[in-house]
Amino acid sequence: QVYLVESGGGLVQAGESLELSCAASTTIAAFDAMGWYRQAPGKQRELVATLSKSGTTNVVDSMKGRFTISRGNAKNTVNLQMNSLKPEDTAVYYCNAISTGFMPYWGRGTQVTVSS
């Protein structure tokens, strides 16, 4: 059974950085793509960044230049480096993994709170 576990969230001040990590129960090479999403209170879940099996990365325009998605040092991890955090980045951040023919896998999320 596939599971994803996020870590690294916390409370920071505006302008500071955080690195989130997503650990999968298997090597991330087993997935066609992995991604980070976030959901702020009262808002819909939105895409933050994706990492394809080939290594192609994509970050949503509004977060480009501040957020970076990458493979972790371990074969089963994907990281999200977040710099210059803003209060509007406050949300629960979720890890996502996609494999063709299967429903997407989701972690339980990690809370990021940015104070002004």
PDB file of N, CA and C in Angstrom:
ATOM      1  N   GLN A   1       0.844  -1.181   0.000  1.00  0.00           N
ATOM      2  CA  GLN A   1       0.000   0.000   0.000  1.00  0.00           C
ATOM      3  C   GLN A   1       0.886   1.241   0.000  1.00  0.00           C
ATOM      4  N   VAL A   2       0.517   2.193  -0.808  1.00  0.00           N
ATOM      5  CA  VAL A   2       1.295   3.420  -0.920  1.00  0.00           C
ATOM      6  C   VAL A   2       0.820   4.424   0.110  1.00  0.00           C
ATOM      7  N   TYR A   3       1.755   5.016   0.803  1.00  0.00           N
ATOM      8  CA  TYR A   3       1.397   6.140   1.652  1.00  0.00           C
ATOM      9  C   TYR A   3       2.466   7.230   1.546  1.00  0.00           C
ATOM     10  N   LEU A   4       2.031   8.446   1.807  1.00  0.00           N
ATOM     11  CA  LEU A   4       2.891   9.621   1.735  1.00  0.00           C
ATOM     12  C   LEU A   4       2.821  10.344   3.080  1.00  0.00           C
ATOM     13  N   VAL A   5       3.962  10.784   3.569  1.00  0.00           N
ATOM     14  CA  VAL A   5       4.002  11.479   4.850  1.00  0.00           C
ATOM     15  C   VAL A   5       4.775  12.781   4.689  1.00  0.00           C
ATOM     16  N   GLU A   6       4.093  13.879   4.969  1.00  0.00           N
ATOM     17  CA  GLU A   6       4.723  15.189   4.885  1.00  0.00           C
ATOM     18  C   GLU A   6       5.322  15.584   6.242  1.00  0.00           C
ATOM     19  N   SER A   7       6.359  16.381   6.181  1.00  0.00           N
ATOM     20  CA  SER A   7       6.972  16.909   7.396  1.00  0.00           C
ATOM     21  C   SER A   7       7.635  18.241   7.079  1.00  0.00           C
ATOM     22  N   GLY A   8       7.978  18.966   8.135  1.00  0.00           N
ATOM     23  CA  GLY A   8       8.712  20.214   7.965  1.00  0.00           C
ATOM     24  C   GLY A   8       7.903  21.474   8.131  1.00  0.00           C
ATOM     25  N   GLY A   9       6.601  21.336   8.319  1.00  0.00           N
ATOM     26  CA  GLY A   9       5.785  22.527   8.501  1.00  0.00           C
ATOM     27  C   GLY A   9       6.054  23.170   9.853  1.00  0.00           C
ATOM     28  N   GLY A  10       5.500  24.353  10.023  1.00  0.00           N
ATOM     29  CA  GLY A  10       5.670  25.040  11.293  1.00  0.00           C
ATOM     30  C   GLY A  10       5.230  26.477  11.221  1.00  0.00           C
ATOM     31  N   LEU A  11       5.579  27.213  12.261  1.00  0.00           N
ATOM     32  CA  LEU A  11       5.251  28.629  12.356  1.00  0.00           C
ATOM     33  C   LEU A  11       6.515  29.447  12.122  1.00  0.00           C
ATOM     34  N   VAL A  12       6.458  30.335  11.128  1.00  0.00           N
ATOM     35  CA  VAL A  12       7.600  31.196  10.831  1.00  0.00           C
ATOM     36  C   VAL A  12       7.114  32.624  10.641  1.00  0.00           C
ATOM     37  N   GLN A  13       8.060  33.546  10.643  1.00  0.00           N
ATOM     38  CA  GLN A  13       7.708  34.941  10.369  1.00  0.00           C
ATOM     39  C   GLN A  13       7.854  35.224   8.879  1.00  0.00           C
ATOM     40  N   ALA A  14       7.167  36.237   8.439  1.00  0.00           N
ATOM     41  CA  ALA A  14       7.259  36.638   7.040  1.00  0.00           C
ATOM     42  C   ALA A  14       8.712  36.891   6.652  1.00  0.00           C
ATOM     43  N   GLY A  15       9.074  36.418   5.471  1.00  0.00           N
ATOM     44  CA  GLY A  15      10.434  36.575   4.993  1.00  0.00           C
ATOM     45  C   GLY A  15      11.338  35.393   5.283  1.00  0.00           C
ATOM     46  N   GLU A  16      10.929  34.532   6.169  1.00  0.00           N
ATOM     47  CA  GLU A  16      11.737  33.364   6.515  1.00  0.00           C
ATOM     48  C   GLU A  16      11.489  32.213   5.540  1.00  0.00           C
ATOM     49  N   SER A  17      12.220  31.124   5.765  1.00  0.00           N
ATOM     50  CA  SER A  17      12.149  29.968   4.859  1.00  0.00           C
ATOM     51  C   SER A  17      11.754  28.704   5.611  1.00  0.00           C
ATOM     52  N   LEU A  18      11.215  27.775   4.865  1.00  0.00           N
ATOM     53  CA  LEU A  18      10.918  26.435   5.367  1.00  0.00           C
ATOM     54  C   LEU A  18      11.185  25.441   4.254  1.00  0.00           C
ATOM     55  N   GLU A  19      11.577  24.229   4.632  1.00  0.00           N
ATOM     56  CA  GLU A  19      11.678  23.158   3.653  1.00  0.00           C
ATOM     57  C   GLU A  19      10.765  22.032   4.090  1.00  0.00           C
ATOM     58  N   LEU A  20       9.832  21.709   3.235  1.00  0.00           N
ATOM     59  CA  LEU A  20       8.942  20.593   3.473  1.00  0.00           C
ATOM     60  C   LEU A  20       9.501  19.343   2.816  1.00  0.00           C
ATOM     61  N   SER A  21       9.215  18.209   3.422  1.00  0.00           N
ATOM     62  CA  SER A  21       9.649  16.947   2.851  1.00  0.00           C
ATOM     63  C   SER A  21       8.474  15.984   2.776  1.00  0.00           C
ATOM     64  N   CYS A  22       8.437  15.212   1.725  1.00  0.00           N
ATOM     65  CA  CYS A  22       7.414  14.186   1.543  1.00  0.00           C
ATOM     66  C   CYS A  22       8.129  12.851   1.411  1.00  0.00           C
ATOM     67  N   ALA A  23       7.827  11.947   2.330  1.00  0.00           N
ATOM     68  CA  ALA A  23       8.415  10.614   2.273  1.00  0.00           C
ATOM     69  C   ALA A  23       7.366   9.632   1.797  1.00  0.00           C
ATOM     70  N   ALA A  24       7.685   8.908   0.740  1.00  0.00           N
ATOM     71  CA  ALA A  24       6.776   7.905   0.196  1.00  0.00           C
ATOM     72  C   ALA A  24       7.169   6.527   0.717  1.00  0.00           C
ATOM     73  N   SER A  25       6.216   5.613   0.675  1.00  0.00           N
ATOM     74  CA  SER A  25       6.460   4.260   1.149  1.00  0.00           C
ATOM     75  C   SER A  25       7.222   3.431   0.118  1.00  0.00           C
ATOM     76  N   THR A  26       7.478   4.041  -1.031  1.00  0.00           N
ATOM     77  CA  THR A  26       8.242   3.382  -2.074  1.00  0.00           C
ATOM     78  C   THR A  26       9.094   4.425  -2.781  1.00  0.00           C
ATOM     79  N   THR A  27      10.000   3.986  -3.628  1.00  0.00           N
ATOM     80  CA  THR A  27      10.801   4.940  -4.362  1.00  0.00           C
ATOM     81  C   THR A  27       9.919   5.825  -5.240  1.00  0.00           C
ATOM     82  N   ILE A  28      10.261   7.102  -5.322  1.00  0.00           N
ATOM     83  CA  ILE A  28       9.412   8.008  -6.096  1.00  0.00           C
ATOM     84  C   ILE A  28       9.495   7.703  -7.585  1.00  0.00           C
ATOM     85  N   ALA A  29      10.476   6.918  -7.994  1.00  0.00           N
ATOM     86  CA  ALA A  29      10.571   6.522  -9.400  1.00  0.00           C
ATOM     87  C   ALA A  29       9.396   5.649  -9.816  1.00  0.00           C
ATOM     88  N   ALA A  30       8.662   5.131  -8.834  1.00  0.00           N
ATOM     89  CA  ALA A  30       7.492   4.302  -9.142  1.00  0.00           C
ATOM     90  C   ALA A  30       6.318   5.145  -9.627  1.00  0.00           C
ATOM     91  N   PHE A  31       6.376   6.455  -9.409  1.00  0.00           N
ATOM     92  CA  PHE A  31       5.271   7.338  -9.772  1.00  0.00           C
ATOM     93  C   PHE A  31       5.554   8.081 -11.079  1.00  0.00           C
ATOM     94  N   ASP A  32       4.509   8.417 -11.795  1.00  0.00           N
ATOM     95  CA  ASP A  32       4.657   9.221 -13.010  1.00  0.00           C
ATOM     96  C   ASP A  32       4.964  10.675 -12.669  1.00  0.00           C
ATOM     97  N   ALA A  33       4.451  11.122 -11.565  1.00  0.00           N
ATOM     98  CA  ALA A  33       4.711  12.502 -11.134  1.00  0.00           C
ATOM     99  C   ALA A  33       4.389  12.639  -9.656  1.00  0.00           C
ATOM    100  N   MET A  34       5.041  13.613  -9.058  1.00  0.00           N
ATOM    101  CA  MET A  34       4.707  13.971  -7.681  1.00  0.00           C
ATOM    102  C   MET A  34       4.511  15.473  -7.618  1.00  0.00           C
ATOM    103  N   GLY A  35       3.771  15.883  -6.600  1.00  0.00           N
ATOM    104  CA  GLY A  35       3.501  17.304  -6.513  1.00  0.00           C
ATOM    105  C   GLY A  35       3.200  17.751  -5.102  1.00  0.00           C
ATOM    106  N   TRP A  36       3.198  19.049  -4.951  1.00  0.00           N
ATOM    107  CA  TRP A  36       2.781  19.687  -3.707  1.00  0.00           C
ATOM    108  C   TRP A  36       1.576  20.549  -3.997  1.00  0.00           C
ATOM    109  N   TYR A  37       0.600  20.454  -3.132  1.00  0.00           N
ATOM    110  CA  TYR A  37      -0.594  21.278  -3.178  1.00  0.00           C
ATOM    111  C   TYR A  37      -0.732  21.965  -1.826  1.00  0.00           C
ATOM    112  N   ARG A  38      -1.592  22.975  -1.789  1.00  0.00           N
ATOM    113  CA  ARG A  38      -1.865  23.600  -0.501  1.00  0.00           C
ATOM    114  C   ARG A  38      -3.323  24.016  -0.426  1.00  0.00           C
ATOM    115  N   GLN A  39      -3.805  24.122   0.784  1.00  0.00           N
ATOM    116  CA  GLN A  39      -5.187  24.541   0.992  1.00  0.00           C
ATOM    117  C   GLN A  39      -5.226  25.483   2.183  1.00  0.00           C
ATOM    118  N   ALA A  40      -5.596  26.713   1.897  1.00  0.00           N
ATOM    119  CA  ALA A  40      -5.748  27.712   2.943  1.00  0.00           C
ATOM    120  C   ALA A  40      -7.163  27.643   3.504  1.00  0.00           C
ATOM    121  N   PRO A  41      -7.379  28.124   4.711  1.00  0.00           N
ATOM    122  CA  PRO A  41      -8.716  28.078   5.317  1.00  0.00           C
ATOM    123  C   PRO A  41      -9.752  28.745   4.428  1.00  0.00           C
ATOM    124  N   GLY A  42     -10.839  28.054   4.167  1.00  0.00           N
ATOM    125  CA  GLY A  42     -11.928  28.598   3.371  1.00  0.00           C
ATOM    126  C   GLY A  42     -11.674  28.645   1.884  1.00  0.00           C
ATOM    127  N   LYS A  43     -10.552  28.068   1.449  1.00  0.00           N
ATOM    128  CA  LYS A  43     -10.223  28.093   0.025  1.00  0.00           C
ATOM    129  C   LYS A  43     -10.076  26.683  -0.518  1.00  0.00           C
ATOM    130  N   GLN A  44     -10.111  26.583  -1.839  1.00  0.00           N
ATOM    131  CA  GLN A  44      -9.931  25.281  -2.462  1.00  0.00           C
ATOM    132  C   GLN A  44      -8.453  24.895  -2.466  1.00  0.00           C
ATOM    133  N   ARG A  45      -8.218  23.607  -2.548  1.00  0.00           N
ATOM    134  CA  ARG A  45      -6.848  23.122  -2.657  1.00  0.00           C
ATOM    135  C   ARG A  45      -6.282  23.581  -4.009  1.00  0.00           C
ATOM    136  N   GLU A  46      -5.041  24.064  -3.984  1.00  0.00           N
ATOM    137  CA  GLU A  46      -4.428  24.547  -5.209  1.00  0.00           C
ATOM    138  C   GLU A  46      -3.055  23.918  -5.413  1.00  0.00           C
ATOM    139  N   LEU A  47      -2.687  23.814  -6.685  1.00  0.00           N
ATOM    140  CA  LEU A  47      -1.388  23.262  -7.044  1.00  0.00           C
ATOM    141  C   LEU A  47      -0.288  24.257  -6.685  1.00  0.00           C
ATOM    142  N   VAL A  48       0.832  23.711  -6.176  1.00  0.00           N
ATOM    143  CA  VAL A  48       2.001  24.537  -5.885  1.00  0.00           C
ATOM    144  C   VAL A  48       3.128  24.214  -6.853  1.00  0.00           C
ATOM    145  N   ALA A  49       3.472  22.939  -6.964  1.00  0.00           N
ATOM    146  CA  ALA A  49       4.608  22.551  -7.805  1.00  0.00           C
ATOM    147  C   ALA A  49       4.515  21.073  -8.149  1.00  0.00           C
ATOM    148  N   THR A  50       5.136  20.689  -9.269  1.00  0.00           N
ATOM    149  CA  THR A  50       5.167  19.300  -9.677  1.00  0.00           C
ATOM    150  C   THR A  50       6.567  18.882 -10.082  1.00  0.00           C
ATOM    151  N   LEU A  51       6.793  17.578  -9.975  1.00  0.00           N
ATOM    152  CA  LEU A  51       8.057  16.971 -10.382  1.00  0.00           C
ATOM    153  C   LEU A  51       7.713  15.719 -11.165  1.00  0.00           C
ATOM    154  N   SER A  52       8.114  15.678 -12.437  1.00  0.00           N
ATOM    155  CA  SER A  52       7.783  14.529 -13.264  1.00  0.00           C
ATOM    156  C   SER A  52       8.817  13.419 -13.064  1.00  0.00           C
ATOM    157  N   LYS A  53       8.483  12.262 -13.581  1.00  0.00           N
ATOM    158  CA  LYS A  53       9.378  11.112 -13.470  1.00  0.00           C
ATOM    159  C   LYS A  53      10.717  11.389 -14.143  1.00  0.00           C
ATOM    160  N   SER A  54      10.667  12.190 -15.198  1.00  0.00           N
ATOM    161  CA  SER A  54      11.888  12.509 -15.937  1.00  0.00           C
ATOM    162  C   SER A  54      12.723  13.585 -15.249  1.00  0.00           C
ATOM    163  N   GLY A  55      12.134  14.177 -14.210  1.00  0.00           N
ATOM    164  CA  GLY A  55      12.867  15.202 -13.488  1.00  0.00           C
ATOM    165  C   GLY A  55      12.462  16.619 -13.817  1.00  0.00           C
ATOM    166  N   THR A  56      11.510  16.761 -14.723  1.00  0.00           N
ATOM    167  CA  THR A  56      11.033  18.099 -15.063  1.00  0.00           C
ATOM    168  C   THR A  56      10.247  18.687 -13.894  1.00  0.00           C
ATOM    169  N   THR A  57      10.550  19.915 -13.562  1.00  0.00           N
ATOM    170  CA  THR A  57       9.852  20.573 -12.462  1.00  0.00           C
ATOM    171  C   THR A  57       9.010  21.726 -12.979  1.00  0.00           C
ATOM    172  N   ASN A  58       7.969  22.017 -12.234  1.00  0.00           N
ATOM    173  CA  ASN A  58       7.118  23.145 -12.576  1.00  0.00           C
ATOM    174  C   ASN A  58       6.582  23.752 -11.297  1.00  0.00           C
ATOM    175  N   VAL A  59       6.671  25.049 -11.208  1.00  0.00           N
ATOM    176  CA  VAL A  59       6.148  25.775 -10.048  1.00  0.00           C
ATOM    177  C   VAL A  59       5.113  26.759 -10.557  1.00  0.00           C
ATOM    178  N   VAL A  60       4.019  26.844  -9.873  1.00  0.00           N
ATOM    179  CA  VAL A  60       2.953  27.779 -10.251  1.00  0.00           C
ATOM    180  C   VAL A  60       3.525  29.201 -10.318  1.00  0.00           C
ATOM    181  N   ASP A  61       3.106  29.942 -11.324  1.00  0.00           N
ATOM    182  CA  ASP A  61       3.675  31.267 -11.586  1.00  0.00           C
ATOM    183  C   ASP A  61       3.739  32.162 -10.352  1.00  0.00           C
ATOM    184  N   SER A  62       2.693  32.163  -9.574  1.00  0.00           N
ATOM    185  CA  SER A  62       2.633  33.068  -8.427  1.00  0.00           C
ATOM    186  C   SER A  62       3.673  32.741  -7.358  1.00  0.00           C
ATOM    187  N   MET A  63       4.264  31.557  -7.443  1.00  0.00           N
ATOM    188  CA  MET A  63       5.246  31.144  -6.444  1.00  0.00           C
ATOM    189  C   MET A  63       6.648  30.953  -7.040  1.00  0.00           C
ATOM    190  N   LYS A  64       6.752  31.147  -8.342  1.00  0.00           N
ATOM    191  CA  LYS A  64       8.063  31.009  -8.975  1.00  0.00           C
ATOM    192  C   LYS A  64       9.040  32.013  -8.399  1.00  0.00           C
ATOM    193  N   GLY A  65      10.257  31.561  -8.248  1.00  0.00           N
ATOM    194  CA  GLY A  65      11.275  32.426  -7.684  1.00  0.00           C
ATOM    195  C   GLY A  65      11.360  32.328  -6.173  1.00  0.00           C
ATOM    196  N   ARG A  66      10.325  31.786  -5.546  1.00  0.00           N
ATOM    197  CA  ARG A  66      10.330  31.626  -4.090  1.00  0.00           C
ATOM    198  C   ARG A  66      10.318  30.165  -3.675  1.00  0.00           C
ATOM    199  N   PHE A  67       9.587  29.350  -4.455  1.00  0.00           N
ATOM    200  CA  PHE A  67       9.440  27.934  -4.118  1.00  0.00           C
ATOM    201  C   PHE A  67      10.209  27.075  -5.124  1.00  0.00           C
ATOM    202  N   THR A  68      10.786  25.992  -4.620  1.00  0.00           N
ATOM    203  CA  THR A  68      11.503  25.048  -5.473  1.00  0.00           C
ATOM    204  C   THR A  68      11.153  23.630  -5.057  1.00  0.00           C
ATOM    205  N   ILE A  69      10.825  22.796  -6.039  1.00  0.00           N
ATOM    206  CA  ILE A  69      10.552  21.394  -5.776  1.00  0.00           C
ATOM    207  C   ILE A  69      11.749  20.581  -6.259  1.00  0.00           C
ATOM    208  N   SER A  70      12.102  19.554  -5.505  1.00  0.00           N
ATOM    209  CA  SER A  70      13.262  18.753  -5.889  1.00  0.00           C
ATOM    210  C   SER A  70      13.177  17.373  -5.270  1.00  0.00           C
ATOM    211  N   ARG A  71      13.960  16.447  -5.830  1.00  0.00           N
ATOM    212  CA  ARG A  71      14.096  15.134  -5.217  1.00  0.00           C
ATOM    213  C   ARG A  71      14.932  15.297  -3.954  1.00  0.00           C
ATOM    214  N   GLY A  72      14.558  14.535  -2.944  1.00  0.00           N
ATOM    215  CA  GLY A  72      15.355  14.540  -1.730  1.00  0.00           C
ATOM    216  C   GLY A  72      16.581  13.651  -1.881  1.00  0.00           C
ATOM    217  N   ASN A  73      17.419  13.639  -0.890  1.00  0.00           N
ATOM    218  CA  ASN A  73      18.612  12.789  -0.920  1.00  0.00           C
ATOM    219  C   ASN A  73      18.241  11.305  -0.914  1.00  0.00           C
ATOM    220  N   ALA A  74      17.176  10.974  -0.219  1.00  0.00           N
ATOM    221  CA  ALA A  74      16.698   9.597  -0.214  1.00  0.00           C
ATOM    222  C   ALA A  74      15.843   9.352  -1.453  1.00  0.00           C
ATOM    223  N   LYS A  75      15.826   8.145  -1.944  1.00  0.00           N
ATOM    224  CA  LYS A  75      15.116   7.834  -3.185  1.00  0.00           C
ATOM    225  C   LYS A  75      13.605   7.927  -3.039  1.00  0.00           C
ATOM    226  N   ASN A  76      13.129   8.030  -1.802  1.00  0.00           N
ATOM    227  CA  ASN A  76      11.681   8.053  -1.615  1.00  0.00           C
ATOM    228  C   ASN A  76      11.176   9.410  -1.141  1.00  0.00           C
ATOM    229  N   THR A  77      11.948  10.470  -1.348  1.00  0.00           N
ATOM    230  CA  THR A  77      11.521  11.768  -0.840  1.00  0.00           C
ATOM    231  C   THR A  77      11.493  12.849  -1.909  1.00  0.00           C
ATOM    232  N   VAL A  78      10.583  13.772  -1.707  1.00  0.00           N
ATOM    233  CA  VAL A  78      10.480  14.966  -2.543  1.00  0.00           C
ATOM    234  C   VAL A  78      10.374  16.165  -1.604  1.00  0.00           C
ATOM    235  N   ASN A  79      11.122  17.186  -1.906  1.00  0.00           N
ATOM    236  CA  ASN A  79      11.158  18.350  -1.035  1.00  0.00           C
ATOM    237  C   ASN A  79      10.533  19.572  -1.698  1.00  0.00           C
ATOM    238  N   LEU A  80      10.090  20.483  -0.845  1.00  0.00           N
ATOM    239  CA  LEU A  80       9.609  21.782  -1.317  1.00  0.00           C
ATOM    240  C   LEU A  80      10.305  22.849  -0.484  1.00  0.00           C
ATOM    241  N   GLN A  81      11.213  23.554  -1.123  1.00  0.00           N
ATOM    242  CA  GLN A  81      11.913  24.650  -0.459  1.00  0.00           C
ATOM    243  C   GLN A  81      11.107  25.919  -0.660  1.00  0.00           C
ATOM    244  N   MET A  82      10.771  26.568   0.432  1.00  0.00           N
ATOM    245  CA  MET A  82       9.961  27.774   0.366  1.00  0.00           C
ATOM    246  C   MET A  82      10.725  28.926   1.000  1.00  0.00           C
ATOM    247  N   ASN A  83      11.012  29.926   0.204  1.00  0.00           N
ATOM    248  CA  ASN A  83      11.750  31.095   0.677  1.00  0.00           C
ATOM    249  C   ASN A  83      10.868  32.337   0.649  1.00  0.00           C
ATOM    250  N   SER A  84      11.295  33.346   1.381  1.00  0.00           N
ATOM    251  CA  SER A  84      10.579  34.635   1.404  1.00  0.00           C
ATOM    252  C   SER A  84       9.083  34.413   1.649  1.00  0.00           C
ATOM    253  N   LEU A  85       8.788  33.658   2.659  1.00  0.00           N
ATOM    254  CA  LEU A  85       7.393  33.306   2.924  1.00  0.00           C
ATOM    255  C   LEU A  85       6.565  34.535   3.282  1.00  0.00           C
ATOM    256  N   LYS A  86       5.309  34.479   2.874  1.00  0.00           N
ATOM    257  CA  LYS A  86       4.366  35.562   3.113  1.00  0.00           C
ATOM    258  C   LYS A  86       3.189  35.032   3.931  1.00  0.00           C
ATOM    259  N   PRO A  87       2.501  35.909   4.626  1.00  0.00           N
ATOM    260  CA  PRO A  87       1.329  35.448   5.382  1.00  0.00           C
ATOM    261  C   PRO A  87       0.314  34.702   4.505  1.00  0.00           C
ATOM    262  N   GLU A  88       0.201  35.096   3.245  1.00  0.00           N
ATOM    263  CA  GLU A  88      -0.755  34.419   2.358  1.00  0.00           C
ATOM    264  C   GLU A  88      -0.304  33.023   1.950  1.00  0.00           C
ATOM    265  N   ASP A  89       0.900  32.635   2.329  1.00  0.00           N
ATOM    266  CA  ASP A  89       1.342  31.260   2.103  1.00  0.00           C
ATOM    267  C   ASP A  89       0.845  30.321   3.200  1.00  0.00           C
ATOM    268  N   THR A  90       0.216  30.877   4.204  1.00  0.00           N
ATOM    269  CA  THR A  90      -0.315  30.055   5.285  1.00  0.00           C
ATOM    270  C   THR A  90      -1.350  29.089   4.740  1.00  0.00           C
ATOM    271  N   ALA A  91      -1.147  27.805   4.994  1.00  0.00           N
ATOM    272  CA  ALA A  91      -2.021  26.764   4.463  1.00  0.00           C
ATOM    273  C   ALA A  91      -1.552  25.409   4.985  1.00  0.00           C
ATOM    274  N   VAL A  92      -2.362  24.416   4.732  1.00  0.00           N
ATOM    275  CA  VAL A  92      -1.920  23.030   4.906  1.00  0.00           C
ATOM    276  C   VAL A  92      -1.348  22.593   3.563  1.00  0.00           C
ATOM    277  N   TYR A  93      -0.139  22.077   3.604  1.00  0.00           N
ATOM    278  CA  TYR A  93       0.547  21.645   2.394  1.00  0.00           C
ATOM    279  C   TYR A  93       0.483  20.126   2.283  1.00  0.00           C
ATOM    280  N   TYR A  94       0.062  19.671   1.099  1.00  0.00           N
ATOM    281  CA  TYR A  94      -0.138  18.250   0.862  1.00  0.00           C
ATOM    282  C   TYR A  94       0.806  17.740  -0.219  1.00  0.00           C
ATOM    283  N   CYS A  95       1.277  16.527  -0.010  1.00  0.00           N
ATOM    284  CA  CYS A  95       2.069  15.831  -1.020  1.00  0.00           C
ATOM    285  C   CYS A  95       1.119  14.956  -1.847  1.00  0.00           C
ATOM    286  N   ASN A  96       1.417  14.830  -3.114  1.00  0.00           N
ATOM    287  CA  ASN A  96       0.572  14.089  -4.050  1.00  0.00           C
ATOM    288  C   ASN A  96       1.453  13.244  -4.956  1.00  0.00           C
ATOM    289  N   ALA A  97       0.996  12.056  -5.281  1.00  0.00           N
ATOM    290  CA  ALA A  97       1.726  11.192  -6.211  1.00  0.00           C
ATOM    291  C   ALA A  97       0.736  10.590  -7.195  1.00  0.00           C
ATOM    292  N   ILE A  98       1.172  10.520  -8.443  1.00  0.00           N
ATOM    293  CA  ILE A  98       0.300  10.030  -9.509  1.00  0.00           C
ATOM    294  C   ILE A  98       0.957   8.860 -10.228  1.00  0.00           C
ATOM    295  N   SER A  99       0.178   7.803 -10.399  1.00  0.00           N
ATOM    296  CA  SER A  99       0.602   6.674 -11.220  1.00  0.00           C
ATOM    297  C   SER A  99      -0.511   6.365 -12.201  1.00  0.00           C
ATOM    298  N   THR A 100      -0.167   6.149 -13.453  1.00  0.00           N
ATOM    299  CA  THR A 100      -1.160   5.877 -14.494  1.00  0.00           C
ATOM    300  C   THR A 100      -2.008   4.687 -14.112  1.00  0.00           C
ATOM    301  N   GLY A 101      -3.322   4.864 -14.202  1.00  0.00           N
ATOM    302  CA  GLY A 101      -4.238   3.772 -13.911  1.00  0.00           C
ATOM    303  C   GLY A 101      -4.660   3.659 -12.466  1.00  0.00           C
ATOM    304  N   PHE A 102      -4.127   4.556 -11.646  1.00  0.00           N
ATOM    305  CA  PHE A 102      -4.464   4.526 -10.218  1.00  0.00           C
ATOM    306  C   PHE A 102      -5.009   5.889  -9.788  1.00  0.00           C
ATOM    307  N   MET A 103      -5.791   5.861  -8.741  1.00  0.00           N
ATOM    308  CA  MET A 103      -6.232   7.119  -8.154  1.00  0.00           C
ATOM    309  C   MET A 103      -5.013   7.826  -7.551  1.00  0.00           C
ATOM    310  N   PRO A 104      -5.025   9.151  -7.542  1.00  0.00           N
ATOM    311  CA  PRO A 104      -3.890   9.873  -6.942  1.00  0.00           C
ATOM    312  C   PRO A 104      -3.738   9.544  -5.459  1.00  0.00           C
ATOM    313  N   TYR A 105      -2.507   9.534  -5.001  1.00  0.00           N
ATOM    314  CA  TYR A 105      -2.219   9.307  -3.587  1.00  0.00           C
ATOM    315  C   TYR A 105      -1.994  10.654  -2.920  1.00  0.00           C
ATOM    316  N   TRP A 106      -2.456  10.762  -1.678  1.00  0.00           N
ATOM    317  CA  TRP A 106      -2.311  12.010  -0.929  1.00  0.00           C
ATOM    318  C   TRP A 106      -1.767  11.727   0.455  1.00  0.00           C
ATOM    319  N   GLY A 107      -0.943  12.646   0.943  1.00  0.00           N
ATOM    320  CA  GLY A 107      -0.560  12.613   2.341  1.00  0.00           C
ATOM    321  C   GLY A 107      -1.604  13.324   3.179  1.00  0.00           C
ATOM    322  N   ARG A 108      -1.361  13.358   4.483  1.00  0.00           N
ATOM    323  CA  ARG A 108      -2.309  14.000   5.395  1.00  0.00           C
ATOM    324  C   ARG A 108      -2.057  15.492   5.536  1.00  0.00           C
ATOM    325  N   GLY A 109      -0.942  15.946   5.060  1.00  0.00           N
ATOM    326  CA  GLY A 109      -0.665  17.371   5.081  1.00  0.00           C
ATOM    327  C   GLY A 109       0.176  17.813   6.260  1.00  0.00           C
ATOM    328  N   THR A 110       0.799  18.967   6.069  1.00  0.00           N
ATOM    329  CA  THR A 110       1.575  19.590   7.141  1.00  0.00           C
ATOM    330  C   THR A 110       1.233  21.083   7.160  1.00  0.00           C
ATOM    331  N   GLN A 111       1.017  21.622   8.339  1.00  0.00           N
ATOM    332  CA  GLN A 111       0.585  23.000   8.478  1.00  0.00           C
ATOM    333  C   GLN A 111       1.769  23.955   8.390  1.00  0.00           C
ATOM    334  N   VAL A 112       1.591  24.963   7.560  1.00  0.00           N
ATOM    335  CA  VAL A 112       2.557  26.063   7.475  1.00  0.00           C
ATOM    336  C   VAL A 112       1.826  27.345   7.854  1.00  0.00           C
ATOM    337  N   THR A 113       2.350  28.029   8.842  1.00  0.00           N
ATOM    338  CA  THR A 113       1.763  29.288   9.274  1.00  0.00           C
ATOM    339  C   THR A 113       2.819  30.374   9.223  1.00  0.00           C
ATOM    340  N   VAL A 114       2.501  31.444   8.511  1.00  0.00           N
ATOM    341  CA  VAL A 114       3.437  32.551   8.352  1.00  0.00           C
ATOM    342  C   VAL A 114       2.827  33.786   9.018  1.00  0.00           C
ATOM    343  N   SER A 115       3.516  34.284  10.027  1.00  0.00           N
ATOM    344  CA  SER A 115       3.007  35.455  10.738  1.00  0.00           C
ATOM    345  C   SER A 115       3.609  36.729  10.146  1.00  0.00           C
ATOM    346  N   SER A 116       2.847  37.788  10.228  1.00  0.00           N
ATOM    347  CA  SER A 116       3.308  39.067   9.655  1.00  0.00           C
ATOM    348  C   SER A 116       4.120  39.872  10.653  1.00  0.00           C
TER     349      SER A 116
END
